[in-house]
Amino acid sequence: MFTGAPNEVQILGFYLPPLFVAIAAGLVVATLVARVLNQSGLSRFFWHPPLANAALWLLATALIGYFIITP
């Protein structure tokens, strides 16, 4: 049965699972958001900045996986 979700993603000749691509893209997005928060001074409102960065990474990965990877 075809669900429409990709089984593999090909990048430069390498076949990667879609979850790996979502995790890597989520890391990039979370890093960029964390840099913007640090430069603007909004990261001072976080109780534990590394925990907030991990939450940003998880949120970015979930959103990318839900809206971009799956059709």
PDB file of N, CA and C in Angstrom:
ATOM      1  N   MET A   1       0.841  -1.172   0.000  1.00  0.00           N
ATOM      2  CA  MET A   1       0.000   0.000   0.000  1.00  0.00           C
ATOM      3  C   MET A   1       0.887   1.237   0.000  1.00  0.00           C
ATOM      4  N   PHE A   2       0.578   2.204  -0.847  1.00  0.00           N
ATOM      5  CA  PHE A   2       1.358   3.427  -0.981  1.00  0.00           C
ATOM      6  C   PHE A   2       0.749   4.509  -0.110  1.00  0.00           C
ATOM      7  N   THR A   3       1.538   5.045   0.812  1.00  0.00           N
ATOM      8  CA  THR A   3       1.038   6.088   1.706  1.00  0.00           C
ATOM      9  C   THR A   3       1.418   7.481   1.236  1.00  0.00           C
ATOM     10  N   GLY A   4       2.336   7.599   0.306  1.00  0.00           N
ATOM     11  CA  GLY A   4       2.760   8.894  -0.186  1.00  0.00           C
ATOM     12  C   GLY A   4       3.969   9.444   0.542  1.00  0.00           C
ATOM     13  N   ALA A   5       4.339   8.886   1.680  1.00  0.00           N
ATOM     14  CA  ALA A   5       5.508   9.343   2.415  1.00  0.00           C
ATOM     15  C   ALA A   5       6.765   8.728   1.799  1.00  0.00           C
ATOM     16  N   PRO A   6       7.839   9.514   1.690  1.00  0.00           N
ATOM     17  CA  PRO A   6       9.054   8.968   1.091  1.00  0.00           C
ATOM     18  C   PRO A   6       9.729   7.957   2.017  1.00  0.00           C
ATOM     19  N   ASN A   7      10.254   6.886   1.416  1.00  0.00           N
ATOM     20  CA  ASN A   7      10.999   5.900   2.188  1.00  0.00           C
ATOM     21  C   ASN A   7      12.451   6.303   2.329  1.00  0.00           C
ATOM     22  N   GLU A   8      12.983   6.964   1.317  1.00  0.00           N
ATOM     23  CA  GLU A   8      14.373   7.394   1.321  1.00  0.00           C
ATOM     24  C   GLU A   8      14.463   8.751   0.642  1.00  0.00           C
ATOM     25  N   VAL A   9      15.471   9.521   1.050  1.00  0.00           N
ATOM     26  CA  VAL A   9      15.756  10.800   0.427  1.00  0.00           C
ATOM     27  C   VAL A   9      17.166  10.714  -0.127  1.00  0.00           C
ATOM     28  N   GLN A  10      17.321  11.053  -1.392  1.00  0.00           N
ATOM     29  CA  GLN A  10      18.636  10.977  -2.012  1.00  0.00           C
ATOM     30  C   GLN A  10      19.284  12.360  -1.996  1.00  0.00           C
ATOM     31  N   ILE A  11      20.468  12.447  -1.374  1.00  0.00           N
ATOM     32  CA  ILE A  11      21.236  13.681  -1.324  1.00  0.00           C
ATOM     33  C   ILE A  11      22.660  13.358  -1.760  1.00  0.00           C
ATOM     34  N   LEU A  12      23.070  13.903  -2.895  1.00  0.00           N
ATOM     35  CA  LEU A  12      24.407  13.696  -3.453  1.00  0.00           C
ATOM     36  C   LEU A  12      24.743  12.218  -3.611  1.00  0.00           C
ATOM     37  N   GLY A  13      23.791  11.425  -3.988  1.00  0.00           N
ATOM     38  CA  GLY A  13      24.014  10.010  -4.226  1.00  0.00           C
ATOM     39  C   GLY A  13      23.894   9.130  -2.995  1.00  0.00           C
ATOM     40  N   PHE A  14      23.654   9.728  -1.843  1.00  0.00           N
ATOM     41  CA  PHE A  14      23.488   8.963  -0.616  1.00  0.00           C
ATOM     42  C   PHE A  14      21.993   8.877  -0.296  1.00  0.00           C
ATOM     43  N   TYR A  15      21.556   7.693   0.074  1.00  0.00           N
ATOM     44  CA  TYR A  15      20.163   7.508   0.468  1.00  0.00           C
ATOM     45  C   TYR A  15      20.070   7.641   1.985  1.00  0.00           C
ATOM     46  N   LEU A  16      19.226   8.569   2.427  1.00  0.00           N
ATOM     47  CA  LEU A  16      19.079   8.833   3.851  1.00  0.00           C
ATOM     48  C   LEU A  16      17.621   8.682   4.254  1.00  0.00           C
ATOM     49  N   PRO A  17      17.386   8.256   5.487  1.00  0.00           N
ATOM     50  CA  PRO A  17      16.001   8.189   5.954  1.00  0.00           C
ATOM     51  C   PRO A  17      15.441   9.600   6.148  1.00  0.00           C
ATOM     52  N   PRO A  18      14.159   9.786   5.904  1.00  0.00           N
ATOM     53  CA  PRO A  18      13.569  11.125   6.023  1.00  0.00           C
ATOM     54  C   PRO A  18      13.690  11.727   7.423  1.00  0.00           C
ATOM     55  N   LEU A  19      13.658  10.890   8.450  1.00  0.00           N
ATOM     56  CA  LEU A  19      13.780  11.405   9.802  1.00  0.00           C
ATOM     57  C   LEU A  19      15.155  12.020  10.038  1.00  0.00           C
ATOM     58  N   PHE A  20      16.200  11.431   9.467  1.00  0.00           N
ATOM     59  CA  PHE A  20      17.545  11.993   9.591  1.00  0.00           C
ATOM     60  C   PHE A  20      17.621  13.367   8.950  1.00  0.00           C
ATOM     61  N   VAL A  21      17.003  13.516   7.794  1.00  0.00           N
ATOM     62  CA  VAL A  21      16.996  14.808   7.104  1.00  0.00           C
ATOM     63  C   VAL A  21      16.234  15.832   7.941  1.00  0.00           C
ATOM     64  N   ALA A  22      15.114  15.435   8.533  1.00  0.00           N
ATOM     65  CA  ALA A  22      14.337  16.348   9.371  1.00  0.00           C
ATOM     66  C   ALA A  22      15.119  16.748  10.616  1.00  0.00           C
ATOM     67  N   ILE A  23      15.838  15.806  11.213  1.00  0.00           N
ATOM     68  CA  ILE A  23      16.632  16.113  12.409  1.00  0.00           C
ATOM     69  C   ILE A  23      17.766  17.075  12.071  1.00  0.00           C
ATOM     70  N   ALA A  24      18.455  16.841  10.949  1.00  0.00           N
ATOM     71  CA  ALA A  24      19.548  17.723  10.558  1.00  0.00           C
ATOM     72  C   ALA A  24      19.036  19.126  10.220  1.00  0.00           C
ATOM     73  N   ALA A  25      17.924  19.205   9.507  1.00  0.00           N
ATOM     74  CA  ALA A  25      17.348  20.506   9.180  1.00  0.00           C
ATOM     75  C   ALA A  25      16.829  21.196  10.441  1.00  0.00           C
ATOM     76  N   GLY A  26      16.274  20.440  11.354  1.00  0.00           N
ATOM     77  CA  GLY A  26      15.810  21.010  12.622  1.00  0.00           C
ATOM     78  C   GLY A  26      16.948  21.578  13.446  1.00  0.00           C
ATOM     79  N   LEU A  27      18.098  20.922  13.403  1.00  0.00           N
ATOM     80  CA  LEU A  27      19.270  21.431  14.113  1.00  0.00           C
ATOM     81  C   LEU A  27      19.725  22.763  13.525  1.00  0.00           C
ATOM     82  N   VAL A  28      19.727  22.858  12.211  1.00  0.00           N
ATOM     83  CA  VAL A  28      20.131  24.103  11.552  1.00  0.00           C
ATOM     84  C   VAL A  28      19.161  25.230  11.894  1.00  0.00           C
ATOM     85  N   VAL A  29      17.871  24.954  11.814  1.00  0.00           N
ATOM     86  CA  VAL A  29      16.860  25.978  12.116  1.00  0.00           C
ATOM     87  C   VAL A  29      16.944  26.394  13.581  1.00  0.00           C
ATOM     88  N   ALA A  30      17.092  25.440  14.491  1.00  0.00           N
ATOM     89  CA  ALA A  30      17.171  25.764  15.918  1.00  0.00           C
ATOM     90  C   ALA A  30      18.423  26.569  16.229  1.00  0.00           C
ATOM     91  N   THR A  31      19.525  26.272  15.567  1.00  0.00           N
ATOM     92  CA  THR A  31      20.753  27.036  15.771  1.00  0.00           C
ATOM     93  C   THR A  31      20.581  28.478  15.312  1.00  0.00           C
ATOM     94  N   LEU A  32      19.935  28.662  14.158  1.00  0.00           N
ATOM     95  CA  LEU A  32      19.703  30.019  13.665  1.00  0.00           C
ATOM     96  C   LEU A  32      18.772  30.799  14.592  1.00  0.00           C
ATOM     97  N   VAL A  33      17.721  30.154  15.067  1.00  0.00           N
ATOM     98  CA  VAL A  33      16.787  30.821  15.988  1.00  0.00           C
ATOM     99  C   VAL A  33      17.487  31.159  17.303  1.00  0.00           C
ATOM    100  N   ALA A  34      18.322  30.261  17.813  1.00  0.00           N
ATOM    101  CA  ALA A  34      19.051  30.519  19.055  1.00  0.00           C
ATOM    102  C   ALA A  34      20.019  31.687  18.888  1.00  0.00           C
ATOM    103  N   ARG A  35      20.667  31.783  17.737  1.00  0.00           N
ATOM    104  CA  ARG A  35      21.566  32.920  17.496  1.00  0.00           C
ATOM    105  C   ARG A  35      20.802  34.233  17.468  1.00  0.00           C
ATOM    106  N   VAL A  36      19.646  34.235  16.838  1.00  0.00           N
ATOM    107  CA  VAL A  36      18.818  35.450  16.804  1.00  0.00           C
ATOM    108  C   VAL A  36      18.366  35.814  18.216  1.00  0.00           C
ATOM    109  N   LEU A  37      17.969  34.834  18.993  1.00  0.00           N
ATOM    110  CA  LEU A  37      17.550  35.098  20.371  1.00  0.00           C
ATOM    111  C   LEU A  37      18.710  35.617  21.217  1.00  0.00           C
ATOM    112  N   ASN A  38      19.906  35.089  21.010  1.00  0.00           N
ATOM    113  CA  ASN A  38      21.078  35.560  21.754  1.00  0.00           C
ATOM    114  C   ASN A  38      21.449  36.979  21.363  1.00  0.00           C
ATOM    115  N   GLN A  39      21.407  37.291  20.079  1.00  0.00           N
ATOM    116  CA  GLN A  39      21.782  38.625  19.627  1.00  0.00           C
ATOM    117  C   GLN A  39      20.760  39.672  20.042  1.00  0.00           C
ATOM    118  N   SER A  40      19.507  39.309  20.105  1.00  0.00           N
ATOM    119  CA  SER A  40      18.474  40.266  20.492  1.00  0.00           C
ATOM    120  C   SER A  40      18.339  40.386  22.010  1.00  0.00           C
ATOM    121  N   GLY A  41      18.940  39.478  22.758  1.00  0.00           N
ATOM    122  CA  GLY A  41      18.884  39.529  24.210  1.00  0.00           C
ATOM    123  C   GLY A  41      17.681  38.831  24.816  1.00  0.00           C
ATOM    124  N   LEU A  42      16.882  38.171  23.992  1.00  0.00           N
ATOM    125  CA  LEU A  42      15.692  37.495  24.511  1.00  0.00           C
ATOM    126  C   LEU A  42      16.013  36.172  25.202  1.00  0.00           C
ATOM    127  N   SER A  43      17.200  35.646  24.991  1.00  0.00           N
ATOM    128  CA  SER A  43      17.544  34.368  25.625  1.00  0.00           C
ATOM    129  C   SER A  43      17.772  34.519  27.125  1.00  0.00           C
ATOM    130  N   ARG A  44      17.870  35.751  27.627  1.00  0.00           N
ATOM    131  CA  ARG A  44      18.056  35.947  29.067  1.00  0.00           C
ATOM    132  C   ARG A  44      16.799  35.596  29.853  1.00  0.00           C
ATOM    133  N   PHE A  45      15.679  35.473  29.178  1.00  0.00           N
ATOM    134  CA  PHE A  45      14.436  35.117  29.852  1.00  0.00           C
ATOM    135  C   PHE A  45      14.282  33.606  30.041  1.00  0.00           C
ATOM    136  N   PHE A  46      15.166  32.808  29.467  1.00  0.00           N
ATOM    137  CA  PHE A  46      15.107  31.362  29.624  1.00  0.00           C
ATOM    138  C   PHE A  46      15.756  30.967  30.942  1.00  0.00           C
ATOM    139  N   TRP A  47      15.091  30.049  31.647  1.00  0.00           N
ATOM    140  CA  TRP A  47      15.643  29.579  32.903  1.00  0.00           C
ATOM    141  C   TRP A  47      16.899  28.745  32.670  1.00  0.00           C
ATOM    142  N   HIS A  48      16.881  27.903  31.662  1.00  0.00           N
ATOM    143  CA  HIS A  48      17.996  27.011  31.353  1.00  0.00           C
ATOM    144  C   HIS A  48      18.205  27.042  29.843  1.00  0.00           C
ATOM    145  N   PRO A  49      19.087  27.905  29.333  1.00  0.00           N
ATOM    146  CA  PRO A  49      19.237  28.066  27.884  1.00  0.00           C
ATOM    147  C   PRO A  49      19.551  26.780  27.108  1.00  0.00           C
ATOM    148  N   PRO A  50      20.413  25.867  27.601  1.00  0.00           N
ATOM    149  CA  PRO A  50      20.611  24.633  26.832  1.00  0.00           C
ATOM    150  C   PRO A  50      19.340  23.789  26.713  1.00  0.00           C
ATOM    151  N   LEU A  51      18.524  23.792  27.749  1.00  0.00           N
ATOM    152  CA  LEU A  51      17.257  23.069  27.693  1.00  0.00           C
ATOM    153  C   LEU A  51      16.305  23.734  26.701  1.00  0.00           C
ATOM    154  N   ALA A  52      16.318  25.054  26.652  1.00  0.00           N
ATOM    155  CA  ALA A  52      15.495  25.779  25.680  1.00  0.00           C
ATOM    156  C   ALA A  52      15.974  25.499  24.258  1.00  0.00           C
ATOM    157  N   ASN A  53      17.282  25.396  24.063  1.00  0.00           N
ATOM    158  CA  ASN A  53      17.812  25.070  22.737  1.00  0.00           C
ATOM    159  C   ASN A  53      17.406  23.661  22.318  1.00  0.00           C
ATOM    160  N   ALA A  54      17.425  22.724  23.252  1.00  0.00           N
ATOM    161  CA  ALA A  54      16.982  21.364  22.933  1.00  0.00           C
ATOM    162  C   ALA A  54      15.496  21.350  22.575  1.00  0.00           C
ATOM    163  N   ALA A  55      14.702  22.153  23.284  1.00  0.00           N
ATOM    164  CA  ALA A  55      13.277  22.235  22.974  1.00  0.00           C
ATOM    165  C   ALA A  55      13.053  22.873  21.604  1.00  0.00           C
ATOM    166  N   LEU A  56      13.850  23.885  21.263  1.00  0.00           N
ATOM    167  CA  LEU A  56      13.761  24.490  19.933  1.00  0.00           C
ATOM    168  C   LEU A  56      14.099  23.477  18.857  1.00  0.00           C
ATOM    169  N   TRP A  57      15.116  22.659  19.109  1.00  0.00           N
ATOM    170  CA  TRP A  57      15.523  21.634  18.146  1.00  0.00           C
ATOM    171  C   TRP A  57      14.402  20.616  17.944  1.00  0.00           C
ATOM    172  N   LEU A  58      13.808  20.195  19.031  1.00  0.00           N
ATOM    173  CA  LEU A  58      12.704  19.235  18.944  1.00  0.00           C
ATOM    174  C   LEU A  58      11.509  19.833  18.205  1.00  0.00           C
ATOM    175  N   LEU A  59      11.169  21.074  18.519  1.00  0.00           N
ATOM    176  CA  LEU A  59      10.046  21.732  17.864  1.00  0.00           C
ATOM    177  C   LEU A  59      10.306  21.922  16.366  1.00  0.00           C
ATOM    178  N   ALA A  60      11.508  22.367  16.020  1.00  0.00           N
ATOM    179  CA  ALA A  60      11.845  22.565  14.606  1.00  0.00           C
ATOM    180  C   ALA A  60      11.832  21.238  13.852  1.00  0.00           C
ATOM    181  N   THR A  61      12.350  20.190  14.469  1.00  0.00           N
ATOM    182  CA  THR A  61      12.353  18.874  13.827  1.00  0.00           C
ATOM    183  C   THR A  61      10.932  18.370  13.608  1.00  0.00           C
ATOM    184  N   ALA A  62      10.089  18.546  14.608  1.00  0.00           N
ATOM    185  CA  ALA A  62       8.703  18.091  14.479  1.00  0.00           C
ATOM    186  C   ALA A  62       7.967  18.860  13.385  1.00  0.00           C
ATOM    187  N   LEU A  63       8.159  20.180  13.333  1.00  0.00           N
ATOM    188  CA  LEU A  63       7.475  20.975  12.315  1.00  0.00           C
ATOM    189  C   LEU A  63       7.981  20.656  10.912  1.00  0.00           C
ATOM    190  N   ILE A  64       9.277  20.485  10.763  1.00  0.00           N
ATOM    191  CA  ILE A  64       9.826  20.128   9.449  1.00  0.00           C
ATOM    192  C   ILE A  64       9.359  18.741   9.035  1.00  0.00           C
ATOM    193  N   GLY A  65       9.378  17.808   9.964  1.00  0.00           N
ATOM    194  CA  GLY A  65       8.925  16.462   9.653  1.00  0.00           C
ATOM    195  C   GLY A  65       7.446  16.400   9.302  1.00  0.00           C
ATOM    196  N   TYR A  66       6.655  17.232   9.960  1.00  0.00           N
ATOM    197  CA  TYR A  66       5.212  17.190   9.729  1.00  0.00           C
ATOM    198  C   TYR A  66       4.810  17.914   8.458  1.00  0.00           C
ATOM    199  N   PHE A  67       5.398  19.080   8.206  1.00  0.00           N
ATOM    200  CA  PHE A  67       4.951  19.894   7.088  1.00  0.00           C
ATOM    201  C   PHE A  67       5.766  19.710   5.812  1.00  0.00           C
ATOM    202  N   ILE A  68       7.014  19.297   5.905  1.00  0.00           N
ATOM    203  CA  ILE A  68       7.858  19.233   4.700  1.00  0.00           C
ATOM    204  C   ILE A  68       8.117  17.786   4.266  1.00  0.00           C
ATOM    205  N   ILE A  69       8.487  16.926   5.168  1.00  0.00           N
ATOM    206  CA  ILE A  69       8.855  15.562   4.794  1.00  0.00           C
ATOM    207  C   ILE A  69       7.634  14.755   4.371  1.00  0.00           C
ATOM    208  N   THR A  70       6.576  14.781   5.159  1.00  0.00           N
ATOM    209  CA  THR A  70       5.381  14.031   4.782  1.00  0.00           C
ATOM    210  C   THR A  70       4.515  14.889   3.857  1.00  0.00           C
ATOM    211  N   PRO A  71       3.855  14.272   2.885  1.00  0.00           N
ATOM    212  CA  PRO A  71       3.065  15.062   1.939  1.00  0.00           C
ATOM    213  C   PRO A  71       1.782  15.606   2.553  1.00  0.00           C
TER     214      PRO A  71
END
